[in-house]
Each structure stands twice: as structure tokens, then as C-alpha cells.
Amino acid sequence: MTADRATLATIADNIFEAEKTHRLLAPISESYPDLSPEDCYAVQNMYVARKLADGDAIAGYKVGATGAASQAKFGVTEPVYGHMFKSGRVETGASVPFAARVHPIIECELGLRLGKEL
């Protein structure tokens, strides 16, 4: 890790609070340009812990930046992973509540249900 734990916790808190209050944040890399991938995953883990403590649940996992072009765009050299939460899940036929969104966009993410844990 390149950043201290207090800084990482502050970043996680800021992300969590921005989501709860529907506030747009500047890209984290603008404020903290020297974060390592390990720092970013530490922030992610702290954020996940806050979501779970707030009553959300993990619905699955996702992988991003799987191609060379997206890796170059985000300045990484390998795919990255993250968590999907039940609060963000939209079932087939349901309406998407855009009123509470800060900067709504549509991004296709495929979800698979497996018969058992990997």
C-alpha cells in the first residue's frame, strides 16, 4: 500500500456518503493520483464493509477492464473485480428509479446464477 489506512478509510467514507446523499464525486484519481491497485482494493473492501453494515447484501461479483482498450483507458494492466449489491439489482420488467440518480447512465452487465459456489 502506498496510502495510509486513515486516508483509505476517508476515501471509502466519501464514496459511501456520496452514494447515500446522491452527490457526485470527482474521480478519486484526481484527488489521490498515487493510489496503488492494492490501495484501491483496500478502499473497495472498506466500502463493502460499510454497505454490509448498512443492511445491504452482496448479490454477486463483477469483472471489468477485461480488454486492452479498457485497461489503457483506466490505467491498469489486468482486469479488475468488484462487488454487486442487492440494492443495485433490477429484476426483469421492473422500473429503474432515475430520480435518485446523480448522473444516470445505462451500462449492460450480464449476471449469471450458478447452481453452486465456485
PDB file of N, CA and C in Angstrom:
ATOM      1  N   MET A   1       0.838  -1.184   0.000  1.00  0.00           N
ATOM      2  CA  MET A   1       0.000   0.000   0.000  1.00  0.00           C
ATOM      3  C   MET A   1       0.878   1.240   0.000  1.00  0.00           C
ATOM      4  N   THR A   2       0.428   2.244  -0.715  1.00  0.00           N
ATOM      5  CA  THR A   2       1.173   3.498  -0.729  1.00  0.00           C
ATOM      6  C   THR A   2       0.507   4.548   0.150  1.00  0.00           C
ATOM      7  N   ALA A   3      -0.785   4.416   0.404  1.00  0.00           N
ATOM      8  CA  ALA A   3      -1.504   5.390   1.227  1.00  0.00           C
ATOM      9  C   ALA A   3      -1.733   4.816   2.627  1.00  0.00           C
ATOM     10  N   ASP A   4      -1.851   5.713   3.601  1.00  0.00           N
ATOM     11  CA  ASP A   4      -2.098   5.240   4.963  1.00  0.00           C
ATOM     12  C   ASP A   4      -3.564   4.825   5.112  1.00  0.00           C
ATOM     13  N   ARG A   5      -3.807   4.018   6.105  1.00  0.00           N
ATOM     14  CA  ARG A   5      -5.139   3.439   6.314  1.00  0.00           C
ATOM     15  C   ARG A   5      -6.205   4.516   6.562  1.00  0.00           C
ATOM     16  N   ALA A   6      -5.846   5.590   7.249  1.00  0.00           N
ATOM     17  CA  ALA A   6      -6.801   6.670   7.521  1.00  0.00           C
ATOM     18  C   ALA A   6      -7.250   7.345   6.222  1.00  0.00           C
ATOM     19  N   THR A   7      -6.313   7.555   5.303  1.00  0.00           N
ATOM     20  CA  THR A   7      -6.654   8.152   4.013  1.00  0.00           C
ATOM     21  C   THR A   7      -7.583   7.232   3.234  1.00  0.00           C
ATOM     22  N   LEU A   8      -7.280   5.941   3.230  1.00  0.00           N
ATOM     23  CA  LEU A   8      -8.118   4.983   2.519  1.00  0.00           C
ATOM     24  C   LEU A   8      -9.520   4.934   3.122  1.00  0.00           C
ATOM     25  N   ALA A   9      -9.603   4.990   4.447  1.00  0.00           N
ATOM     26  CA  ALA A   9     -10.909   4.986   5.114  1.00  0.00           C
ATOM     27  C   ALA A   9     -11.696   6.249   4.765  1.00  0.00           C
ATOM     28  N   THR A  10     -11.017   7.375   4.670  1.00  0.00           N
ATOM     29  CA  THR A  10     -11.676   8.628   4.282  1.00  0.00           C
ATOM     30  C   THR A  10     -12.254   8.519   2.878  1.00  0.00           C
ATOM     31  N   ILE A  11     -11.495   7.941   1.965  1.00  0.00           N
ATOM     32  CA  ILE A  11     -11.973   7.769   0.592  1.00  0.00           C
ATOM     33  C   ILE A  11     -13.209   6.872   0.585  1.00  0.00           C
ATOM     34  N   ALA A  12     -13.153   5.766   1.298  1.00  0.00           N
ATOM     35  CA  ALA A  12     -14.299   4.849   1.361  1.00  0.00           C
ATOM     36  C   ALA A  12     -15.513   5.548   1.966  1.00  0.00           C
ATOM     37  N   ASP A  13     -15.301   6.316   3.032  1.00  0.00           N
ATOM     38  CA  ASP A  13     -16.400   7.063   3.657  1.00  0.00           C
ATOM     39  C   ASP A  13     -17.009   8.057   2.681  1.00  0.00           C
ATOM     40  N   ASN A  14     -16.156   8.760   1.933  1.00  0.00           N
ATOM     41  CA  ASN A  14     -16.648   9.743   0.968  1.00  0.00           C
ATOM     42  C   ASN A  14     -17.500   9.083  -0.117  1.00  0.00           C
ATOM     43  N   ILE A  15     -17.068   7.941  -0.605  1.00  0.00           N
ATOM     44  CA  ILE A  15     -17.832   7.228  -1.632  1.00  0.00           C
ATOM     45  C   ILE A  15     -19.176   6.775  -1.062  1.00  0.00           C
ATOM     46  N   PHE A  16     -19.143   6.192   0.133  1.00  0.00           N
ATOM     47  CA  PHE A  16     -20.365   5.703   0.766  1.00  0.00           C
ATOM     48  C   PHE A  16     -21.349   6.847   1.003  1.00  0.00           C
ATOM     49  N   GLU A  17     -20.873   7.961   1.549  1.00  0.00           N
ATOM     50  CA  GLU A  17     -21.752   9.100   1.840  1.00  0.00           C
ATOM     51  C   GLU A  17     -22.282   9.751   0.566  1.00  0.00           C
ATOM     52  N   ALA A  18     -21.449   9.831  -0.461  1.00  0.00           N
ATOM     53  CA  ALA A  18     -21.904  10.405  -1.727  1.00  0.00           C
ATOM     54  C   ALA A  18     -23.031   9.565  -2.318  1.00  0.00           C
ATOM     55  N   GLU A  19     -22.905   8.273  -2.201  1.00  0.00           N
ATOM     56  CA  GLU A  19     -23.965   7.397  -2.697  1.00  0.00           C
ATOM     57  C   GLU A  19     -25.250   7.594  -1.886  1.00  0.00           C
ATOM     58  N   LYS A  20     -25.132   7.651  -0.568  1.00  0.00           N
ATOM     59  CA  LYS A  20     -26.310   7.804   0.301  1.00  0.00           C
ATOM     60  C   LYS A  20     -27.015   9.145   0.086  1.00  0.00           C
ATOM     61  N   THR A  21     -26.240  10.193  -0.216  1.00  0.00           N
ATOM     62  CA  THR A  21     -26.807  11.538  -0.352  1.00  0.00           C
ATOM     63  C   THR A  21     -26.993  11.952  -1.808  1.00  0.00           C
ATOM     64  N   HIS A  22     -26.739  11.043  -2.728  1.00  0.00           N
ATOM     65  CA  HIS A  22     -26.918  11.295  -4.167  1.00  0.00           C
ATOM     66  C   HIS A  22     -26.078  12.480  -4.636  1.00  0.00           C
ATOM     67  N   ARG A  23     -24.818  12.465  -4.231  1.00  0.00           N
ATOM     68  CA  ARG A  23     -23.873  13.529  -4.551  1.00  0.00           C
ATOM     69  C   ARG A  23     -22.824  12.998  -5.511  1.00  0.00           C
ATOM     70  N   LEU A  24     -22.486  13.777  -6.519  1.00  0.00           N
ATOM     71  CA  LEU A  24     -21.464  13.395  -7.487  1.00  0.00           C
ATOM     72  C   LEU A  24     -20.081  13.680  -6.907  1.00  0.00           C
ATOM     73  N   LEU A  25     -19.172  12.717  -7.037  1.00  0.00           N
ATOM     74  CA  LEU A  25     -17.784  12.894  -6.609  1.00  0.00           C
ATOM     75  C   LEU A  25     -16.892  13.078  -7.828  1.00  0.00           C
ATOM     76  N   ALA A  26     -15.852  13.852  -7.672  1.00  0.00           N
ATOM     77  CA  ALA A  26     -14.828  13.924  -8.715  1.00  0.00           C
ATOM     78  C   ALA A  26     -14.119  12.569  -8.746  1.00  0.00           C
ATOM     79  N   PRO A  27     -13.549  12.200  -9.871  1.00  0.00           N
ATOM     80  CA  PRO A  27     -12.812  10.931  -9.901  1.00  0.00           C
ATOM     81  C   PRO A  27     -11.776  10.872  -8.783  1.00  0.00           C
ATOM     82  N   ILE A  28     -11.740   9.755  -8.085  1.00  0.00           N
ATOM     83  CA  ILE A  28     -10.822   9.581  -6.959  1.00  0.00           C
ATOM     84  C   ILE A  28      -9.375   9.798  -7.409  1.00  0.00           C
ATOM     85  N   SER A  29      -9.064   9.380  -8.636  1.00  0.00           N
ATOM     86  CA  SER A  29      -7.690   9.510  -9.134  1.00  0.00           C
ATOM     87  C   SER A  29      -7.248  10.966  -9.278  1.00  0.00           C
ATOM     88  N   GLU A  30      -8.200  11.889  -9.371  1.00  0.00           N
ATOM     89  CA  GLU A  30      -7.827  13.311  -9.433  1.00  0.00           C
ATOM     90  C   GLU A  30      -7.341  13.810  -8.077  1.00  0.00           C
ATOM     91  N   SER A  31      -7.988  13.365  -7.009  1.00  0.00           N
ATOM     92  CA  SER A  31      -7.607  13.793  -5.664  1.00  0.00           C
ATOM     93  C   SER A  31      -6.468  12.969  -5.087  1.00  0.00           C
ATOM     94  N   TYR A  32      -6.390  11.709  -5.520  1.00  0.00           N
ATOM     95  CA  TYR A  32      -5.380  10.780  -4.991  1.00  0.00           C
ATOM     96  C   TYR A  32      -4.706  10.061  -6.169  1.00  0.00           C
ATOM     97  N   PRO A  33      -3.864  10.761  -6.922  1.00  0.00           N
ATOM     98  CA  PRO A  33      -3.300  10.172  -8.145  1.00  0.00           C
ATOM     99  C   PRO A  33      -2.287   9.044  -7.909  1.00  0.00           C
ATOM    100  N   ASP A  34      -1.785   8.904  -6.693  1.00  0.00           N
ATOM    101  CA  ASP A  34      -0.742   7.915  -6.437  1.00  0.00           C
ATOM    102  C   ASP A  34      -1.239   6.628  -5.787  1.00  0.00           C
ATOM    103  N   LEU A  35      -2.543   6.405  -5.785  1.00  0.00           N
ATOM    104  CA  LEU A  35      -3.053   5.174  -5.187  1.00  0.00           C
ATOM    105  C   LEU A  35      -2.605   3.964  -5.997  1.00  0.00           C
ATOM    106  N   SER A  36      -2.196   2.947  -5.294  1.00  0.00           N
ATOM    107  CA  SER A  36      -1.806   1.694  -5.954  1.00  0.00           C
ATOM    108  C   SER A  36      -3.051   0.823  -6.129  1.00  0.00           C
ATOM    109  N   PRO A  37      -2.966  -0.200  -6.971  1.00  0.00           N
ATOM    110  CA  PRO A  37      -4.100  -1.137  -7.066  1.00  0.00           C
ATOM    111  C   PRO A  37      -4.456  -1.733  -5.705  1.00  0.00           C
ATOM    112  N   GLU A  38      -3.464  -2.003  -4.880  1.00  0.00           N
ATOM    113  CA  GLU A  38      -3.725  -2.536  -3.538  1.00  0.00           C
ATOM    114  C   GLU A  38      -4.503  -1.535  -2.698  1.00  0.00           C
ATOM    115  N   ASP A  39      -4.150  -0.250  -2.814  1.00  0.00           N
ATOM    116  CA  ASP A  39      -4.892   0.802  -2.112  1.00  0.00           C
ATOM    117  C   ASP A  39      -6.355   0.810  -2.548  1.00  0.00           C
ATOM    118  N   CYS A  40      -6.555   0.720  -3.850  1.00  0.00           N
ATOM    119  CA  CYS A  40      -7.916   0.771  -4.392  1.00  0.00           C
ATOM    120  C   CYS A  40      -8.746  -0.412  -3.929  1.00  0.00           C
ATOM    121  N   TYR A  41      -8.163  -1.591  -3.904  1.00  0.00           N
ATOM    122  CA  TYR A  41      -8.894  -2.754  -3.396  1.00  0.00           C
ATOM    123  C   TYR A  41      -9.143  -2.624  -1.892  1.00  0.00           C
ATOM    124  N   ALA A  42      -8.237  -1.996  -1.152  1.00  0.00           N
ATOM    125  CA  ALA A  42      -8.461  -1.768   0.274  1.00  0.00           C
ATOM    126  C   ALA A  42      -9.643  -0.819   0.469  1.00  0.00           C
ATOM    127  N   VAL A  43      -9.713   0.240  -0.354  1.00  0.00           N
ATOM    128  CA  VAL A  43     -10.854   1.163  -0.300  1.00  0.00           C
ATOM    129  C   VAL A  43     -12.134   0.400  -0.631  1.00  0.00           C
ATOM    130  N   GLN A  44     -12.079  -0.424  -1.663  1.00  0.00           N
ATOM    131  CA  GLN A  44     -13.254  -1.205  -2.039  1.00  0.00           C
ATOM    132  C   GLN A  44     -13.721  -2.085  -0.874  1.00  0.00           C
ATOM    133  N   ASN A  45     -12.802  -2.750  -0.208  1.00  0.00           N
ATOM    134  CA  ASN A  45     -13.166  -3.613   0.915  1.00  0.00           C
ATOM    135  C   ASN A  45     -13.785  -2.815   2.063  1.00  0.00           C
ATOM    136  N   MET A  46     -13.267  -1.620   2.318  1.00  0.00           N
ATOM    137  CA  MET A  46     -13.839  -0.766   3.362  1.00  0.00           C
ATOM    138  C   MET A  46     -15.245  -0.310   2.970  1.00  0.00           C
ATOM    139  N   TYR A  47     -15.414   0.045   1.713  1.00  0.00           N
ATOM    140  CA  TYR A  47     -16.730   0.451   1.206  1.00  0.00           C
ATOM    141  C   TYR A  47     -17.720  -0.711   1.317  1.00  0.00           C
ATOM    142  N   VAL A  48     -17.305  -1.897   0.924  1.00  0.00           N
ATOM    143  CA  VAL A  48     -18.163  -3.081   1.023  1.00  0.00           C
ATOM    144  C   VAL A  48     -18.578  -3.304   2.472  1.00  0.00           C
ATOM    145  N   ALA A  49     -17.653  -3.178   3.391  1.00  0.00           N
ATOM    146  CA  ALA A  49     -17.968  -3.352   4.809  1.00  0.00           C
ATOM    147  C   ALA A  49     -19.026  -2.341   5.261  1.00  0.00           C
ATOM    148  N   ARG A  50     -18.930  -1.102   4.785  1.00  0.00           N
ATOM    149  CA  ARG A  50     -19.918  -0.075   5.137  1.00  0.00           C
ATOM    150  C   ARG A  50     -21.285  -0.417   4.550  1.00  0.00           C
ATOM    151  N   LYS A  51     -21.311  -0.885   3.300  1.00  0.00           N
ATOM    152  CA  LYS A  51     -22.579  -1.281   2.668  1.00  0.00           C
ATOM    153  C   LYS A  51     -23.235  -2.417   3.441  1.00  0.00           C
ATOM    154  N   LEU A  52     -22.453  -3.410   3.816  1.00  0.00           N
ATOM    155  CA  LEU A  52     -22.997  -4.552   4.548  1.00  0.00           C
ATOM    156  C   LEU A  52     -23.496  -4.120   5.927  1.00  0.00           C
ATOM    157  N   ALA A  53     -22.736  -3.265   6.610  1.00  0.00           N
ATOM    158  CA  ALA A  53     -23.148  -2.778   7.926  1.00  0.00           C
ATOM    159  C   ALA A  53     -24.424  -1.943   7.836  1.00  0.00           C
ATOM    160  N   ASP A  54     -24.664  -1.345   6.682  1.00  0.00           N
ATOM    161  CA  ASP A  54     -25.847  -0.514   6.459  1.00  0.00           C
ATOM    162  C   ASP A  54     -27.055  -1.355   6.025  1.00  0.00           C
ATOM    163  N   GLY A  55     -26.879  -2.665   5.944  1.00  0.00           N
ATOM    164  CA  GLY A  55     -28.005  -3.540   5.645  1.00  0.00           C
ATOM    165  C   GLY A  55     -28.077  -4.086   4.234  1.00  0.00           C
ATOM    166  N   ASP A  56     -27.146  -3.713   3.383  1.00  0.00           N
ATOM    167  CA  ASP A  56     -27.146  -4.251   2.019  1.00  0.00           C
ATOM    168  C   ASP A  56     -26.549  -5.655   2.047  1.00  0.00           C
ATOM    169  N   ALA A  57     -26.591  -6.327   0.929  1.00  0.00           N
ATOM    170  CA  ALA A  57     -26.019  -7.672   0.827  1.00  0.00           C
ATOM    171  C   ALA A  57     -25.357  -7.815  -0.539  1.00  0.00           C
ATOM    172  N   ILE A  58     -24.349  -8.642  -0.591  1.00  0.00           N
ATOM    173  CA  ILE A  58     -23.670  -8.899  -1.856  1.00  0.00           C
ATOM    174  C   ILE A  58     -24.549  -9.820  -2.697  1.00  0.00           C
ATOM    175  N   ALA A  59     -24.802  -9.393  -3.928  1.00  0.00           N
ATOM    176  CA  ALA A  59     -25.616 -10.185  -4.855  1.00  0.00           C
ATOM    177  C   ALA A  59     -24.737 -10.946  -5.835  1.00  0.00           C
ATOM    178  N   GLY A  60     -23.488 -10.550  -5.952  1.00  0.00           N
ATOM    179  CA  GLY A  60     -22.583 -11.202  -6.882  1.00  0.00           C
ATOM    180  C   GLY A  60     -21.314 -10.392  -7.039  1.00  0.00           C
ATOM    181  N   TYR A  61     -20.548 -10.764  -8.031  1.00  0.00           N
ATOM    182  CA  TYR A  61     -19.257 -10.119  -8.282  1.00  0.00           C
ATOM    183  C   TYR A  61     -19.165  -9.787  -9.757  1.00  0.00           C
ATOM    184  N   LYS A  62     -18.312  -8.852 -10.096  1.00  0.00           N
ATOM    185  CA  LYS A  62     -18.146  -8.479 -11.492  1.00  0.00           C
ATOM    186  C   LYS A  62     -16.674  -8.285 -11.813  1.00  0.00           C
ATOM    187  N   VAL A  63     -16.375  -8.389 -13.083  1.00  0.00           N
ATOM    188  CA  VAL A  63     -15.021  -8.186 -13.582  1.00  0.00           C
ATOM    189  C   VAL A  63     -15.093  -7.097 -14.647  1.00  0.00           C
ATOM    190  N   GLY A  64     -14.181  -6.155 -14.584  1.00  0.00           N
ATOM    191  CA  GLY A  64     -14.142  -5.071 -15.558  1.00  0.00           C
ATOM    192  C   GLY A  64     -12.764  -4.938 -16.162  1.00  0.00           C
ATOM    193  N   ALA A  65     -12.676  -4.063 -17.134  1.00  0.00           N
ATOM    194  CA  ALA A  65     -11.409  -3.807 -17.830  1.00  0.00           C
ATOM    195  C   ALA A  65     -10.812  -5.114 -18.342  1.00  0.00           C
ATOM    196  N   THR A  66     -11.649  -5.881 -19.026  1.00  0.00           N
ATOM    197  CA  THR A  66     -11.193  -7.185 -19.499  1.00  0.00           C
ATOM    198  C   THR A  66     -10.434  -7.112 -20.826  1.00  0.00           C
ATOM    199  N   GLY A  67     -10.517  -5.988 -21.506  1.00  0.00           N
ATOM    200  CA  GLY A  67      -9.818  -5.842 -22.778  1.00  0.00           C
ATOM    201  C   GLY A  67      -8.716  -4.807 -22.703  1.00  0.00           C
ATOM    202  N   ALA A  68      -7.810  -4.865 -23.647  1.00  0.00           N
ATOM    203  CA  ALA A  68      -6.661  -3.951 -23.668  1.00  0.00           C
ATOM    204  C   ALA A  68      -7.090  -2.489 -23.735  1.00  0.00           C
ATOM    205  N   ALA A  69      -8.128  -2.174 -24.519  1.00  0.00           N
ATOM    206  CA  ALA A  69      -8.560  -0.783 -24.662  1.00  0.00           C
ATOM    207  C   ALA A  69      -9.099  -0.232 -23.345  1.00  0.00           C
ATOM    208  N   SER A  70      -9.917  -1.001 -22.642  1.00  0.00           N
ATOM    209  CA  SER A  70     -10.450  -0.501 -21.371  1.00  0.00           C
ATOM    210  C   SER A  70      -9.363  -0.458 -20.302  1.00  0.00           C
ATOM    211  N   GLN A  71      -8.419  -1.360 -20.350  1.00  0.00           N
ATOM    212  CA  GLN A  71      -7.306  -1.308 -19.398  1.00  0.00           C
ATOM    213  C   GLN A  71      -6.486  -0.046 -19.617  1.00  0.00           C
ATOM    214  N   ALA A  72      -6.227   0.284 -20.872  1.00  0.00           N
ATOM    215  CA  ALA A  72      -5.480   1.507 -21.188  1.00  0.00           C
ATOM    216  C   ALA A  72      -6.253   2.745 -20.729  1.00  0.00           C
ATOM    217  N   LYS A  73      -7.566   2.747 -20.947  1.00  0.00           N
ATOM    218  CA  LYS A  73      -8.412   3.882 -20.539  1.00  0.00           C
ATOM    219  C   LYS A  73      -8.326   4.128 -19.045  1.00  0.00           C
ATOM    220  N   PHE A  74      -8.290   3.064 -18.256  1.00  0.00           N
ATOM    221  CA  PHE A  74      -8.291   3.201 -16.802  1.00  0.00           C
ATOM    222  C   PHE A  74      -6.905   3.085 -16.181  1.00  0.00           C
ATOM    223  N   GLY A  75      -5.886   2.907 -16.994  1.00  0.00           N
ATOM    224  CA  GLY A  75      -4.520   2.877 -16.488  1.00  0.00           C
ATOM    225  C   GLY A  75      -4.190   1.634 -15.680  1.00  0.00           C
ATOM    226  N   VAL A  76      -4.766   0.506 -16.062  1.00  0.00           N
ATOM    227  CA  VAL A  76      -4.467  -0.756 -15.387  1.00  0.00           C
ATOM    228  C   VAL A  76      -3.889  -1.735 -16.400  1.00  0.00           C
ATOM    229  N   THR A  77      -3.291  -2.790 -15.907  1.00  0.00           N
ATOM    230  CA  THR A  77      -2.648  -3.753 -16.814  1.00  0.00           C
ATOM    231  C   THR A  77      -3.278  -5.131 -16.742  1.00  0.00           C
ATOM    232  N   GLU A  78      -4.364  -5.240 -15.983  1.00  0.00           N
ATOM    233  CA  GLU A  78      -5.071  -6.517 -15.875  1.00  0.00           C
ATOM    234  C   GLU A  78      -6.523  -6.229 -15.509  1.00  0.00           C
ATOM    235  N   PRO A  79      -7.406  -7.198 -15.686  1.00  0.00           N
ATOM    236  CA  PRO A  79      -8.802  -6.984 -15.295  1.00  0.00           C
ATOM    237  C   PRO A  79      -8.925  -6.660 -13.805  1.00  0.00           C
ATOM    238  N   VAL A  80      -9.986  -5.968 -13.461  1.00  0.00           N
ATOM    239  CA  VAL A  80     -10.276  -5.620 -12.071  1.00  0.00           C
ATOM    240  C   VAL A  80     -11.598  -6.270 -11.675  1.00  0.00           C
ATOM    241  N   TYR A  81     -11.803  -6.429 -10.368  1.00  0.00           N
ATOM    242  CA  TYR A  81     -13.051  -7.041  -9.928  1.00  0.00           C
ATOM    243  C   TYR A  81     -13.729  -6.172  -8.887  1.00  0.00           C
ATOM    244  N   GLY A  82     -15.017  -6.404  -8.737  1.00  0.00           N
ATOM    245  CA  GLY A  82     -15.794  -5.655  -7.754  1.00  0.00           C
ATOM    246  C   GLY A  82     -17.005  -6.441  -7.318  1.00  0.00           C
ATOM    247  N   HIS A  83     -17.799  -5.817  -6.491  1.00  0.00           N
ATOM    248  CA  HIS A  83     -18.978  -6.446  -5.912  1.00  0.00           C
ATOM    249  C   HIS A  83     -20.244  -5.845  -6.505  1.00  0.00           C
ATOM    250  N   MET A  84     -21.261  -6.659  -6.610  1.00  0.00           N
ATOM    251  CA  MET A  84     -22.591  -6.193  -6.984  1.00  0.00           C
ATOM    252  C   MET A  84     -23.477  -6.387  -5.754  1.00  0.00           C
ATOM    253  N   PHE A  85     -24.323  -5.383  -5.482  1.00  0.00           N
ATOM    254  CA  PHE A  85     -25.145  -5.406  -4.280  1.00  0.00           C
ATOM    255  C   PHE A  85     -26.615  -5.613  -4.614  1.00  0.00           C
ATOM    256  N   LYS A  86     -27.325  -6.189  -3.684  1.00  0.00           N
ATOM    257  CA  LYS A  86     -28.759  -6.407  -3.878  1.00  0.00           C
ATOM    258  C   LYS A  86     -29.482  -5.090  -4.100  1.00  0.00           C
ATOM    259  N   SER A  87     -29.037  -4.017  -3.474  1.00  0.00           N
ATOM    260  CA  SER A  87     -29.693  -2.713  -3.626  1.00  0.00           C
ATOM    261  C   SER A  87     -29.600  -2.187  -5.060  1.00  0.00           C
ATOM    262  N   GLY A  88     -28.648  -2.670  -5.837  1.00  0.00           N
ATOM    263  CA  GLY A  88     -28.494  -2.211  -7.209  1.00  0.00           C
ATOM    264  C   GLY A  88     -29.112  -3.134  -8.241  1.00  0.00           C
ATOM    265  N   ARG A  89     -29.719  -4.171  -7.763  1.00  0.00           N
ATOM    266  CA  ARG A  89     -30.290  -5.176  -8.657  1.00  0.00           C
ATOM    267  C   ARG A  89     -31.656  -4.727  -9.167  1.00  0.00           C
ATOM    268  N   VAL A  90     -31.886  -4.883 -10.463  1.00  0.00           N
ATOM    269  CA  VAL A  90     -33.165  -4.560 -11.078  1.00  0.00           C
ATOM    270  C   VAL A  90     -33.644  -5.816 -11.794  1.00  0.00           C
ATOM    271  N   GLU A  91     -34.766  -6.317 -11.358  1.00  0.00           N
ATOM    272  CA  GLU A  91     -35.317  -7.535 -11.950  1.00  0.00           C
ATOM    273  C   GLU A  91     -35.949  -7.239 -13.306  1.00  0.00           C
ATOM    274  N   THR A  92     -36.044  -8.231 -14.133  1.00  0.00           N
ATOM    275  CA  THR A  92     -36.682  -8.109 -15.438  1.00  0.00           C
ATOM    276  C   THR A  92     -38.086  -7.536 -15.274  1.00  0.00           C
ATOM    277  N   GLY A  93     -38.396  -6.516 -16.066  1.00  0.00           N
ATOM    278  CA  GLY A  93     -39.721  -5.904 -16.042  1.00  0.00           C
ATOM    279  C   GLY A  93     -39.881  -4.795 -15.027  1.00  0.00           C
ATOM    280  N   ALA A  94     -38.916  -4.624 -14.137  1.00  0.00           N
ATOM    281  CA  ALA A  94     -39.013  -3.578 -13.111  1.00  0.00           C
ATOM    282  C   ALA A  94     -38.612  -2.224 -13.694  1.00  0.00           C
ATOM    283  N   SER A  95     -39.060  -1.169 -13.057  1.00  0.00           N
ATOM    284  CA  SER A  95     -38.686   0.189 -13.449  1.00  0.00           C
ATOM    285  C   SER A  95     -37.393   0.578 -12.747  1.00  0.00           C
ATOM    286  N   VAL A  96     -36.593   1.367 -13.431  1.00  0.00           N
ATOM    287  CA  VAL A  96     -35.344   1.868 -12.857  1.00  0.00           C
ATOM    288  C   VAL A  96     -35.626   3.261 -12.304  1.00  0.00           C
ATOM    289  N   PRO A  97     -35.409   3.482 -11.000  1.00  0.00           N
ATOM    290  CA  PRO A  97     -35.703   4.788 -10.388  1.00  0.00           C
ATOM    291  C   PRO A  97     -34.604   5.817 -10.680  1.00  0.00           C
ATOM    292  N   PHE A  98     -34.748   6.591 -11.748  1.00  0.00           N
ATOM    293  CA  PHE A  98     -33.721   7.555 -12.137  1.00  0.00           C
ATOM    294  C   PHE A  98     -33.743   8.819 -11.295  1.00  0.00           C
ATOM    295  N   ALA A  99     -34.827   9.135 -10.627  1.00  0.00           N
ATOM    296  CA  ALA A  99     -34.932  10.394  -9.879  1.00  0.00           C
ATOM    297  C   ALA A  99     -33.853  10.527  -8.816  1.00  0.00           C
ATOM    298  N   ALA A 100     -33.446   9.434  -8.211  1.00  0.00           N
ATOM    299  CA  ALA A 100     -32.450   9.486  -7.144  1.00  0.00           C
ATOM    300  C   ALA A 100     -31.025   9.347  -7.666  1.00  0.00           C
ATOM    301  N   ARG A 101     -30.846   9.313  -8.959  1.00  0.00           N
ATOM    302  CA  ARG A 101     -29.523   9.138  -9.543  1.00  0.00           C
ATOM    303  C   ARG A 101     -28.876  10.495  -9.783  1.00  0.00           C
ATOM    304  N   VAL A 102     -27.566  10.559  -9.615  1.00  0.00           N
ATOM    305  CA  VAL A 102     -26.831  11.799  -9.811  1.00  0.00           C
ATOM    306  C   VAL A 102     -26.516  12.008 -11.285  1.00  0.00           C
ATOM    307  N   HIS A 103     -26.001  11.009 -11.929  1.00  0.00           N
ATOM    308  CA  HIS A 103     -25.601  11.077 -13.336  1.00  0.00           C
ATOM    309  C   HIS A 103     -25.989   9.744 -13.977  1.00  0.00           C
ATOM    310  N   PRO A 104     -27.273   9.553 -14.249  1.00  0.00           N
ATOM    311  CA  PRO A 104     -27.716   8.225 -14.707  1.00  0.00           C
ATOM    312  C   PRO A 104     -27.196   7.869 -16.098  1.00  0.00           C
ATOM    313  N   ILE A 105     -26.714   6.662 -16.195  1.00  0.00           N
ATOM    314  CA  ILE A 105     -26.306   6.076 -17.467  1.00  0.00           C
ATOM    315  C   ILE A 105     -26.772   4.627 -17.467  1.00  0.00           C
ATOM    316  N   ILE A 106     -26.819   4.046 -18.608  1.00  0.00           N
ATOM    317  CA  ILE A 106     -27.160   2.635 -18.728  1.00  0.00           C
ATOM    318  C   ILE A 106     -25.897   1.899 -19.147  1.00  0.00           C
ATOM    319  N   GLU A 107     -25.565   0.867 -18.418  1.00  0.00           N
ATOM    320  CA  GLU A 107     -24.409   0.031 -18.741  1.00  0.00           C
ATOM    321  C   GLU A 107     -24.863  -1.413 -18.637  1.00  0.00           C
ATOM    322  N   CYS A 108     -24.650  -2.137 -19.680  1.00  0.00           N
ATOM    323  CA  CYS A 108     -25.062  -3.534 -19.687  1.00  0.00           C
ATOM    324  C   CYS A 108     -24.054  -4.377 -18.912  1.00  0.00           C
ATOM    325  N   GLU A 109     -24.534  -5.048 -17.893  1.00  0.00           N
ATOM    326  CA  GLU A 109     -23.707  -6.005 -17.159  1.00  0.00           C
ATOM    327  C   GLU A 109     -24.509  -7.289 -17.061  1.00  0.00           C
ATOM    328  N   LEU A 110     -23.941  -8.339 -17.549  1.00  0.00           N
ATOM    329  CA  LEU A 110     -24.621  -9.618 -17.513  1.00  0.00           C
ATOM    330  C   LEU A 110     -24.431 -10.279 -16.163  1.00  0.00           C
ATOM    331  N   GLY A 111     -25.483 -10.856 -15.659  1.00  0.00           N
ATOM    332  CA  GLY A 111     -25.408 -11.588 -14.410  1.00  0.00           C
ATOM    333  C   GLY A 111     -25.759 -13.040 -14.648  1.00  0.00           C
ATOM    334  N   LEU A 112     -25.052 -13.916 -14.020  1.00  0.00           N
ATOM    335  CA  LEU A 112     -25.311 -15.346 -14.137  1.00  0.00           C
ATOM    336  C   LEU A 112     -25.592 -15.922 -12.760  1.00  0.00           C
ATOM    337  N   ARG A 113     -26.524 -16.817 -12.692  1.00  0.00           N
ATOM    338  CA  ARG A 113     -26.757 -17.551 -11.446  1.00  0.00           C
ATOM    339  C   ARG A 113     -26.170 -18.940 -11.616  1.00  0.00           C
ATOM    340  N   LEU A 114     -25.303 -19.281 -10.700  1.00  0.00           N
ATOM    341  CA  LEU A 114     -24.669 -20.585 -10.731  1.00  0.00           C
ATOM    342  C   LEU A 114     -25.374 -21.512  -9.751  1.00  0.00           C
ATOM    343  N   GLY A 115     -25.358 -22.776 -10.025  1.00  0.00           N
ATOM    344  CA  GLY A 115     -26.005 -23.750  -9.166  1.00  0.00           C
ATOM    345  C   GLY A 115     -25.308 -23.936  -7.832  1.00  0.00           C
ATOM    346  N   LYS A 116     -24.021 -23.581  -7.758  1.00  0.00           N
ATOM    347  CA  LYS A 116     -23.280 -23.714  -6.503  1.00  0.00           C
ATOM    348  C   LYS A 116     -22.119 -22.737  -6.513  1.00  0.00           C
ATOM    349  N   GLU A 117     -21.524 -22.513  -5.350  1.00  0.00           N
ATOM    350  CA  GLU A 117     -20.387 -21.604  -5.223  1.00  0.00           C
ATOM    351  C   GLU A 117     -19.200 -22.121  -6.024  1.00  0.00           C
ATOM    352  N   LEU A 118     -18.419 -21.209  -6.583  1.00  0.00           N
ATOM    353  CA  LEU A 118     -17.211 -21.615  -7.301  1.00  0.00           C
ATOM    354  C   LEU A 118     -16.124 -21.990  -6.335  1.00  0.00           C
TER     355      LEU A 118
END
